[in-house]
Amino acid sequence: MCSVARECEVAIERGFRLFGNLSKGRIDIKDDRSNIPLMTTETHHTDVRKIRRPGRPPKVDRENFETRAALIRCGTQVFTEQGFMATGIDYILKQVGVPKGSFYHYFESKEAFGRAVLDNYAEYFAQMLDRWLLNESLTPLERLVGFVQNAKAGMARHDYRRGCMVGNLGQEVGMLPEGFRETLETIFLAWQTRLSQCLKAAQQAGELARGADCDELAAFFWIGWEGAVLRARLVKSDAPLNTFISGFLRGLPQ
C-alpha cells in the first residue's frame, strides 16, 4: 500500500473515533489534542501546543500576593496587641514562616510595612463602621450601640489582649516615623465623620435634639472610646466600655 493511501486510512480511522465520542455526547479533548503534533508536516515546524488560546488569561503568580497579605494580616494582629515600636520584624517573619531576606521583596522597610498594615486596618475598621452605622434595619442610636456590643465581643474573644491599632500607635506617635501622625489623625477624622452622619440621622429620627452639634459629639465619642478601650485592656473587663457608652448616651441632648 502506498504511503498516501495509508495516511488517508489513518485520517478516516481518526475521524471515526472522534465521531464515536460525539455520538456518546462528549468529546475526548485530551485524546484529540494528543494527536495534533502528528498532524504537522515536515516543512512546518510550529508546535501548536505552545500557542495560547484566544481569550484565555495568562497564569497569575499568586504566591507573592498571598505572602504579602499574610505578612499584613500578622502585622495587624501584633500591632493591635503591642503597637509598632515594640514589634520586631523577625517576630513577624517567624510567625508567617518567611525568610528575613524575602521581607524586603515585599516591603522596602519596616516603616513601609507599618504603613501597609495601618492602611489595611483603617480600611477594615471603616467597613465595619459602615456595616453598623448604615444599617437601616436599626434606629441610628441602636446602630451605635450595636457597634459597641460588637467591639466588646471582639475584645473579650481575644482576652483583652488586642485593642485599637490606631489608638496604640497614637500613644507612641512621638517615636513613630515622620508622617504617621498625620495618617493617624486622618483616620480618626474619617471615623468621626461616619459617626456624625449617624447622629444626624438620629436627629431626623427624633432620637437626638435638633440643636445638637453632631460633629462635636462624634469627636467626643472617639476621644472617650479610645480611653475606654485602653482601660478595658488594663482591667481585662468590658466594664469601662459599658461605663463609657452608658454615660455617652445619657448625656445626649434630647
C-alpha atoms as a PDB file:
ATOM      1  CA  MET A   1       0.000   0.000   0.000  1.00  0.00           C
ATOM      2  CA  CYS A   2       1.417   3.415  -0.912  1.00  0.00           C
ATOM      3  CA  SER A   3       2.171   5.913   1.838  1.00  0.00           C
ATOM      4  CA  VAL A   4      -0.548   8.368   0.642  1.00  0.00           C
ATOM      5  CA  ALA A   5      -3.271   5.717   0.830  1.00  0.00           C
ATOM      6  CA  ARG A   6      -2.098   4.648   4.273  1.00  0.00           C
ATOM      7  CA  GLU A   7      -2.274   8.258   5.543  1.00  0.00           C
ATOM      8  CA  CYS A   8      -5.843   8.529   4.206  1.00  0.00           C
ATOM      9  CA  GLU A   9      -6.876   5.393   6.097  1.00  0.00           C
ATOM     10  CA  VAL A  10      -5.309   6.744   9.304  1.00  0.00           C
ATOM     11  CA  ALA A  11      -7.177  10.025   8.875  1.00  0.00           C
ATOM     12  CA  ILE A  12     -10.509   8.257   8.304  1.00  0.00           C
ATOM     13  CA  GLU A  13      -9.948   5.970  11.270  1.00  0.00           C
ATOM     14  CA  ARG A  14      -9.211   9.023  13.456  1.00  0.00           C
ATOM     15  CA  GLY A  15     -12.397  10.656  12.213  1.00  0.00           C
ATOM     16  CA  PHE A  16     -14.499   7.620  13.180  1.00  0.00           C
ATOM     17  CA  ARG A  17     -13.027   7.665  16.680  1.00  0.00           C
ATOM     18  CA  LEU A  18     -13.927  11.339  17.101  1.00  0.00           C
ATOM     19  CA  PHE A  19     -17.445  10.772  15.712  1.00  0.00           C
ATOM     20  CA  GLY A  20     -17.893   7.897  18.139  1.00  0.00           C
ATOM     21  CA  ASN A  21     -17.104  10.198  21.032  1.00  0.00           C
ATOM     22  CA  LEU A  22     -19.576  12.786  19.735  1.00  0.00           C
ATOM     23  CA  SER A  23     -22.331  10.186  19.440  1.00  0.00           C
ATOM     24  CA  LYS A  24     -21.862   9.423  23.119  1.00  0.00           C
ATOM     25  CA  GLY A  25     -22.443  13.074  23.985  1.00  0.00           C
ATOM     26  CA  ARG A  26     -18.824  14.011  24.754  1.00  0.00           C
ATOM     27  CA  ILE A  27     -15.578  14.938  23.073  1.00  0.00           C
ATOM     28  CA  ASP A  28     -12.374  13.392  24.312  1.00  0.00           C
ATOM     29  CA  ILE A  29     -10.382  16.600  24.011  1.00  0.00           C
ATOM     30  CA  LYS A  30      -7.306  15.168  25.647  1.00  0.00           C
ATOM     31  CA  ASP A  31      -7.052  12.306  23.176  1.00  0.00           C
ATOM     32  CA  ASP A  32      -7.769  14.575  20.229  1.00  0.00           C
ATOM     33  CA  ARG A  33      -5.165  17.180  21.201  1.00  0.00           C
ATOM     34  CA  SER A  34      -2.585  14.442  21.789  1.00  0.00           C
ATOM     35  CA  ASN A  35      -2.673  13.720  18.071  1.00  0.00           C
ATOM     36  CA  ILE A  36      -2.051  17.312  16.966  1.00  0.00           C
ATOM     37  CA  PRO A  37       1.773  17.095  16.758  1.00  0.00           C
ATOM     38  CA  LEU A  38       1.445  14.061  14.480  1.00  0.00           C
ATOM     39  CA  MET A  39      -0.614  16.118  12.023  1.00  0.00           C
ATOM     40  CA  THR A  40       2.143  18.661  11.350  1.00  0.00           C
ATOM     41  CA  THR A  41       4.241  18.294   8.215  1.00  0.00           C
ATOM     42  CA  GLU A  42       7.989  18.281   7.949  1.00  0.00           C
ATOM     43  CA  THR A  43       8.002  21.726   6.297  1.00  0.00           C
ATOM     44  CA  HIS A  44       6.009  23.373   9.144  1.00  0.00           C
ATOM     45  CA  HIS A  45       7.839  23.312  12.463  1.00  0.00           C
ATOM     46  CA  THR A  46       5.451  25.384  14.636  1.00  0.00           C
ATOM     47  CA  ASP A  47       4.419  23.499  17.789  1.00  0.00           C
ATOM     48  CA  VAL A  48       0.751  24.386  18.093  1.00  0.00           C
ATOM     49  CA  ARG A  49       0.713  23.326  21.732  1.00  0.00           C
ATOM     50  CA  LYS A  50       2.676  26.480  22.573  1.00  0.00           C
ATOM     51  CA  ILE A  51       0.055  28.790  21.071  1.00  0.00           C
ATOM     52  CA  ARG A  52      -2.113  30.339  23.814  1.00  0.00           C
ATOM     53  CA  ARG A  53      -5.804  30.038  23.060  1.00  0.00           C
ATOM     54  CA  PRO A  54      -7.522  33.401  22.417  1.00  0.00           C
ATOM     55  CA  GLY A  55      -9.281  34.902  25.423  1.00  0.00           C
ATOM     56  CA  ARG A  56      -7.510  32.741  27.969  1.00  0.00           C
ATOM     57  CA  PRO A  57      -5.775  34.919  30.600  1.00  0.00           C
ATOM     58  CA  PRO A  58      -2.150  34.225  31.449  1.00  0.00           C
ATOM     59  CA  LYS A  59      -1.366  32.401  34.646  1.00  0.00           C
ATOM     60  CA  VAL A  60      -1.171  34.684  37.681  1.00  0.00           C
ATOM     61  CA  ASP A  61       1.595  34.137  40.197  1.00  0.00           C
ATOM     62  CA  ARG A  62      -0.398  34.309  43.409  1.00  0.00           C
ATOM     63  CA  GLU A  63       2.461  33.378  45.737  1.00  0.00           C
ATOM     64  CA  ASN A  64       3.802  36.920  46.118  1.00  0.00           C
ATOM     65  CA  PHE A  65       0.339  38.372  46.696  1.00  0.00           C
ATOM     66  CA  GLU A  66      -0.593  35.739  49.264  1.00  0.00           C
ATOM     67  CA  THR A  67       2.690  36.076  51.170  1.00  0.00           C
ATOM     68  CA  ARG A  68       2.354  39.845  51.325  1.00  0.00           C
ATOM     69  CA  ALA A  69      -1.237  39.511  52.541  1.00  0.00           C
ATOM     70  CA  ALA A  70      -0.150  37.010  55.213  1.00  0.00           C
ATOM     71  CA  LEU A  71       2.520  39.431  56.475  1.00  0.00           C
ATOM     72  CA  ILE A  72      -0.012  42.258  56.684  1.00  0.00           C
ATOM     73  CA  ARG A  73      -2.514  40.009  58.438  1.00  0.00           C
ATOM     74  CA  CYS A  74       0.070  39.006  61.036  1.00  0.00           C
ATOM     75  CA  GLY A  75       1.201  42.608  61.436  1.00  0.00           C
ATOM     76  CA  THR A  76      -2.381  43.654  62.110  1.00  0.00           C
ATOM     77  CA  GLN A  77      -2.742  41.092  64.879  1.00  0.00           C
ATOM     78  CA  VAL A  78       0.565  42.015  66.509  1.00  0.00           C
ATOM     79  CA  PHE A  79       0.208  45.802  66.232  1.00  0.00           C
ATOM     80  CA  THR A  80      -3.224  45.662  67.883  1.00  0.00           C
ATOM     81  CA  GLU A  81      -1.583  43.882  70.808  1.00  0.00           C
ATOM     82  CA  GLN A  82       1.767  45.613  71.261  1.00  0.00           C
ATOM     83  CA  GLY A  83       1.989  48.553  68.880  1.00  0.00           C
ATOM     84  CA  PHE A  84       4.595  49.358  66.224  1.00  0.00           C
ATOM     85  CA  MET A  85       7.795  50.234  68.062  1.00  0.00           C
ATOM     86  CA  ALA A  86       7.818  47.131  70.283  1.00  0.00           C
ATOM     87  CA  THR A  87       7.326  44.807  67.323  1.00  0.00           C
ATOM     88  CA  GLY A  88      10.370  43.301  65.647  1.00  0.00           C
ATOM     89  CA  ILE A  89      10.290  42.217  62.039  1.00  0.00           C
ATOM     90  CA  ASP A  90      11.955  38.921  62.984  1.00  0.00           C
ATOM     91  CA  TYR A  91       8.937  38.017  65.102  1.00  0.00           C
ATOM     92  CA  ILE A  92       6.527  38.717  62.236  1.00  0.00           C
ATOM     93  CA  LEU A  93       8.596  36.678  59.794  1.00  0.00           C
ATOM     94  CA  LYS A  94       8.818  33.756  62.215  1.00  0.00           C
ATOM     95  CA  GLN A  95       5.051  33.731  62.675  1.00  0.00           C
ATOM     96  CA  VAL A  96       4.410  33.734  58.927  1.00  0.00           C
ATOM     97  CA  GLY A  97       7.319  31.454  58.039  1.00  0.00           C
ATOM     98  CA  VAL A  98       9.005  33.851  55.613  1.00  0.00           C
ATOM     99  CA  PRO A  99      12.821  34.148  55.418  1.00  0.00           C
ATOM    100  CA  LYS A 100      14.152  37.518  56.554  1.00  0.00           C
ATOM    101  CA  GLY A 101      15.829  38.109  53.223  1.00  0.00           C
ATOM    102  CA  SER A 102      12.469  37.832  51.494  1.00  0.00           C
ATOM    103  CA  PHE A 103      10.827  40.564  53.591  1.00  0.00           C
ATOM    104  CA  TYR A 104      12.365  43.353  51.533  1.00  0.00           C
ATOM    105  CA  HIS A 105      10.948  41.816  48.382  1.00  0.00           C
ATOM    106  CA  TYR A 106       7.508  42.814  49.672  1.00  0.00           C
ATOM    107  CA  PHE A 107       8.312  45.974  51.678  1.00  0.00           C
ATOM    108  CA  GLU A 108      11.135  48.474  51.401  1.00  0.00           C
ATOM    109  CA  SER A 109      11.425  48.896  55.172  1.00  0.00           C
ATOM    110  CA  LYS A 110       9.699  48.364  58.488  1.00  0.00           C
ATOM    111  CA  GLU A 111       8.143  51.813  58.041  1.00  0.00           C
ATOM    112  CA  ALA A 112       6.653  50.797  54.675  1.00  0.00           C
ATOM    113  CA  PHE A 113       5.364  47.615  56.271  1.00  0.00           C
ATOM    114  CA  GLY A 114       3.832  49.606  59.127  1.00  0.00           C
ATOM    115  CA  ARG A 115       2.052  51.919  56.715  1.00  0.00           C
ATOM    116  CA  ALA A 116       0.662  48.983  54.741  1.00  0.00           C
ATOM    117  CA  VAL A 117      -0.630  47.363  57.934  1.00  0.00           C
ATOM    118  CA  LEU A 118      -2.154  50.638  59.131  1.00  0.00           C
ATOM    119  CA  ASP A 119      -3.872  51.207  55.783  1.00  0.00           C
ATOM    120  CA  ASN A 120      -5.274  47.676  55.905  1.00  0.00           C
ATOM    121  CA  TYR A 121      -6.594  48.185  59.440  1.00  0.00           C
ATOM    122  CA  ALA A 122      -8.146  51.547  58.570  1.00  0.00           C
ATOM    123  CA  GLU A 123      -9.963  50.014  55.608  1.00  0.00           C
ATOM    124  CA  TYR A 124     -11.200  47.074  57.700  1.00  0.00           C
ATOM    125  CA  PHE A 125     -12.427  49.332  60.512  1.00  0.00           C
ATOM    126  CA  ALA A 126     -14.161  51.727  58.116  1.00  0.00           C
ATOM    127  CA  GLN A 127     -16.034  48.817  56.555  1.00  0.00           C
ATOM    128  CA  MET A 128     -17.073  47.608  59.995  1.00  0.00           C
ATOM    129  CA  LEU A 129     -18.341  51.072  60.911  1.00  0.00           C
ATOM    130  CA  ASP A 130     -20.324  51.274  57.698  1.00  0.00           C
ATOM    131  CA  ARG A 131     -21.817  47.858  58.334  1.00  0.00           C
ATOM    132  CA  TRP A 132     -23.177  49.066  61.667  1.00  0.00           C
ATOM    133  CA  LEU A 133     -23.764  52.801  61.274  1.00  0.00           C
ATOM    134  CA  LEU A 134     -25.508  52.464  57.906  1.00  0.00           C
ATOM    135  CA  ASN A 135     -27.704  49.547  58.952  1.00  0.00           C
ATOM    136  CA  GLU A 136     -31.191  50.900  58.257  1.00  0.00           C
ATOM    137  CA  SER A 137     -32.876  47.953  59.967  1.00  0.00           C
ATOM    138  CA  LEU A 138     -31.903  49.645  63.263  1.00  0.00           C
ATOM    139  CA  THR A 139     -32.549  53.144  64.566  1.00  0.00           C
ATOM    140  CA  PRO A 140     -29.448  55.388  64.413  1.00  0.00           C
ATOM    141  CA  LEU A 141     -28.643  55.113  68.123  1.00  0.00           C
ATOM    142  CA  GLU A 142     -29.254  51.368  68.045  1.00  0.00           C
ATOM    143  CA  ARG A 143     -26.628  51.189  65.307  1.00  0.00           C
ATOM    144  CA  LEU A 144     -24.097  52.871  67.577  1.00  0.00           C
ATOM    145  CA  VAL A 145     -24.917  50.509  70.428  1.00  0.00           C
ATOM    146  CA  GLY A 146     -24.591  47.576  68.015  1.00  0.00           C
ATOM    147  CA  PHE A 147     -21.094  48.702  67.066  1.00  0.00           C
ATOM    148  CA  VAL A 148     -20.130  48.939  70.744  1.00  0.00           C
ATOM    149  CA  GLN A 149     -21.517  45.484  71.533  1.00  0.00           C
ATOM    150  CA  ASN A 150     -19.639  44.008  68.574  1.00  0.00           C
ATOM    151  CA  ALA A 151     -16.398  45.656  69.699  1.00  0.00           C
ATOM    152  CA  LYS A 152     -16.897  44.374  73.247  1.00  0.00           C
ATOM    153  CA  ALA A 153     -17.356  40.829  71.956  1.00  0.00           C
ATOM    154  CA  GLY A 154     -14.182  41.134  69.864  1.00  0.00           C
ATOM    155  CA  MET A 155     -12.085  42.294  72.815  1.00  0.00           C
ATOM    156  CA  ALA A 156     -13.427  39.541  75.036  1.00  0.00           C
ATOM    157  CA  ARG A 157     -12.751  36.935  72.340  1.00  0.00           C
ATOM    158  CA  HIS A 158      -9.058  37.848  72.430  1.00  0.00           C
ATOM    159  CA  ASP A 159      -8.996  38.055  76.235  1.00  0.00           C
ATOM    160  CA  TYR A 160      -8.499  41.840  76.051  1.00  0.00           C
ATOM    161  CA  ARG A 161      -5.005  41.449  74.610  1.00  0.00           C
ATOM    162  CA  ARG A 162      -5.927  43.386  71.494  1.00  0.00           C
ATOM    163  CA  GLY A 163      -7.066  46.970  71.398  1.00  0.00           C
ATOM    164  CA  CYS A 164      -7.362  49.611  68.706  1.00  0.00           C
ATOM    165  CA  MET A 165      -4.326  49.781  66.445  1.00  0.00           C
ATOM    166  CA  VAL A 166      -4.855  53.478  65.761  1.00  0.00           C
ATOM    167  CA  GLY A 167      -5.034  54.148  69.490  1.00  0.00           C
ATOM    168  CA  ASN A 168      -1.961  52.003  70.117  1.00  0.00           C
ATOM    169  CA  LEU A 169       0.095  53.864  67.535  1.00  0.00           C
ATOM    170  CA  GLY A 170      -1.272  57.188  68.762  1.00  0.00           C
ATOM    171  CA  GLN A 171       0.263  56.519  72.170  1.00  0.00           C
ATOM    172  CA  GLU A 172       3.727  56.096  70.644  1.00  0.00           C
ATOM    173  CA  VAL A 173       3.411  58.811  67.993  1.00  0.00           C
ATOM    174  CA  GLY A 174       6.460  60.671  69.306  1.00  0.00           C
ATOM    175  CA  MET A 175       8.642  57.702  68.341  1.00  0.00           C
ATOM    176  CA  LEU A 176       6.983  56.858  65.019  1.00  0.00           C
ATOM    177  CA  PRO A 177       8.482  57.764  61.628  1.00  0.00           C
ATOM    178  CA  GLU A 178       7.563  61.108  60.095  1.00  0.00           C
ATOM    179  CA  GLY A 179       4.092  61.209  58.594  1.00  0.00           C
ATOM    180  CA  PHE A 180       2.410  58.683  60.858  1.00  0.00           C
ATOM    181  CA  ARG A 181       0.932  61.468  62.981  1.00  0.00           C
ATOM    182  CA  GLU A 182      -0.986  62.924  60.034  1.00  0.00           C
ATOM    183  CA  THR A 183      -2.147  59.488  58.893  1.00  0.00           C
ATOM    184  CA  LEU A 184      -3.495  58.606  62.330  1.00  0.00           C
ATOM    185  CA  GLU A 185      -5.364  61.895  62.641  1.00  0.00           C
ATOM    186  CA  THR A 186      -6.855  61.444  59.173  1.00  0.00           C
ATOM    187  CA  ILE A 187      -8.179  58.038  60.199  1.00  0.00           C
ATOM    188  CA  PHE A 188      -9.729  59.428  63.379  1.00  0.00           C
ATOM    189  CA  LEU A 189     -11.394  62.225  61.399  1.00  0.00           C
ATOM    190  CA  ALA A 190     -12.847  59.699  58.953  1.00  0.00           C
ATOM    191  CA  TRP A 191     -14.366  57.775  61.866  1.00  0.00           C
ATOM    192  CA  GLN A 192     -15.764  60.978  63.313  1.00  0.00           C
ATOM    193  CA  THR A 193     -17.386  61.835  60.002  1.00  0.00           C
ATOM    194  CA  ARG A 194     -19.127  58.481  59.848  1.00  0.00           C
ATOM    195  CA  LEU A 195     -20.449  58.790  63.392  1.00  0.00           C
ATOM    196  CA  SER A 196     -21.505  62.397  62.856  1.00  0.00           C
ATOM    197  CA  GLN A 197     -23.636  61.309  59.908  1.00  0.00           C
ATOM    198  CA  CYS A 198     -25.234  58.623  62.063  1.00  0.00           C
ATOM    199  CA  LEU A 199     -26.018  61.178  64.775  1.00  0.00           C
ATOM    200  CA  LYS A 200     -27.567  63.495  62.193  1.00  0.00           C
ATOM    201  CA  ALA A 201     -29.782  60.599  61.166  1.00  0.00           C
ATOM    202  CA  ALA A 202     -30.692  60.278  64.860  1.00  0.00           C
ATOM    203  CA  GLN A 203     -31.798  63.909  64.769  1.00  0.00           C
ATOM    204  CA  GLN A 204     -34.039  63.186  61.811  1.00  0.00           C
ATOM    205  CA  ALA A 205     -35.482  60.180  63.660  1.00  0.00           C
ATOM    206  CA  GLY A 206     -36.221  62.238  66.774  1.00  0.00           C
ATOM    207  CA  GLU A 207     -33.649  60.393  68.921  1.00  0.00           C
ATOM    208  CA  LEU A 208     -31.434  63.462  69.276  1.00  0.00           C
ATOM    209  CA  ALA A 209     -32.198  67.150  69.751  1.00  0.00           C
ATOM    210  CA  ARG A 210     -32.255  69.198  66.566  1.00  0.00           C
ATOM    211  CA  GLY A 211     -29.813  71.694  68.006  1.00  0.00           C
ATOM    212  CA  ALA A 212     -27.171  69.128  68.959  1.00  0.00           C
ATOM    213  CA  ASP A 213     -23.709  69.607  67.469  1.00  0.00           C
ATOM    214  CA  CYS A 214     -23.212  66.193  65.849  1.00  0.00           C
ATOM    215  CA  ASP A 215     -19.626  66.875  64.797  1.00  0.00           C
ATOM    216  CA  GLU A 216     -18.660  67.789  68.352  1.00  0.00           C
ATOM    217  CA  LEU A 217     -20.478  64.777  69.789  1.00  0.00           C
ATOM    218  CA  ALA A 218     -18.740  62.463  67.331  1.00  0.00           C
ATOM    219  CA  ALA A 219     -15.327  63.873  68.268  1.00  0.00           C
ATOM    220  CA  PHE A 220     -16.184  63.436  71.959  1.00  0.00           C
ATOM    221  CA  PHE A 221     -17.216  59.820  71.387  1.00  0.00           C
ATOM    222  CA  TRP A 222     -13.950  58.755  69.772  1.00  0.00           C
ATOM    223  CA  ILE A 223     -11.799  60.541  72.345  1.00  0.00           C
ATOM    224  CA  GLY A 224     -13.687  58.779  75.136  1.00  0.00           C
ATOM    225  CA  TRP A 225     -13.885  55.462  73.311  1.00  0.00           C
ATOM    226  CA  GLU A 226     -10.120  55.152  72.900  1.00  0.00           C
ATOM    227  CA  GLY A 227      -9.676  55.762  76.622  1.00  0.00           C
ATOM    228  CA  ALA A 228     -12.314  53.148  77.435  1.00  0.00           C
ATOM    229  CA  VAL A 229     -10.590  50.574  75.196  1.00  0.00           C
ATOM    230  CA  LEU A 230      -7.272  51.245  76.914  1.00  0.00           C
ATOM    231  CA  ARG A 231      -8.842  50.833  80.348  1.00  0.00           C
ATOM    232  CA  ALA A 232     -10.667  47.649  79.288  1.00  0.00           C
ATOM    233  CA  ARG A 233      -7.334  46.091  78.314  1.00  0.00           C
ATOM    234  CA  LEU A 234      -5.857  47.177  81.623  1.00  0.00           C
ATOM    235  CA  VAL A 235      -8.554  45.559  83.775  1.00  0.00           C
ATOM    236  CA  LYS A 236      -9.410  42.777  81.302  1.00  0.00           C
ATOM    237  CA  SER A 237     -13.083  43.583  81.502  1.00  0.00           C
ATOM    238  CA  ASP A 238     -15.770  45.292  79.419  1.00  0.00           C
ATOM    239  CA  ALA A 239     -16.819  47.409  82.426  1.00  0.00           C
ATOM    240  CA  PRO A 240     -15.033  50.565  81.162  1.00  0.00           C
ATOM    241  CA  LEU A 241     -16.726  50.181  77.759  1.00  0.00           C
ATOM    242  CA  ASN A 242     -20.140  49.833  79.420  1.00  0.00           C
ATOM    243  CA  THR A 243     -19.499  52.858  81.623  1.00  0.00           C
ATOM    244  CA  PHE A 244     -18.479  54.974  78.666  1.00  0.00           C
ATOM    245  CA  ILE A 245     -21.341  54.131  76.315  1.00  0.00           C
ATOM    246  CA  SER A 246     -23.916  54.487  79.100  1.00  0.00           C
ATOM    247  CA  GLY A 247     -22.566  57.906  80.008  1.00  0.00           C
ATOM    248  CA  PHE A 248     -22.388  58.987  76.384  1.00  0.00           C
ATOM    249  CA  LEU A 249     -25.993  58.019  75.658  1.00  0.00           C
ATOM    250  CA  ARG A 250     -27.312  59.608  78.866  1.00  0.00           C
ATOM    251  CA  GLY A 251     -25.529  62.823  78.011  1.00  0.00           C
ATOM    252  CA  LEU A 252     -27.012  63.193  74.534  1.00  0.00           C
ATOM    253  CA  PRO A 253     -29.346  66.213  74.308  1.00  0.00           C
ATOM    254  CA  GLN A 254     -32.935  65.088  73.841  1.00  0.00           C
END
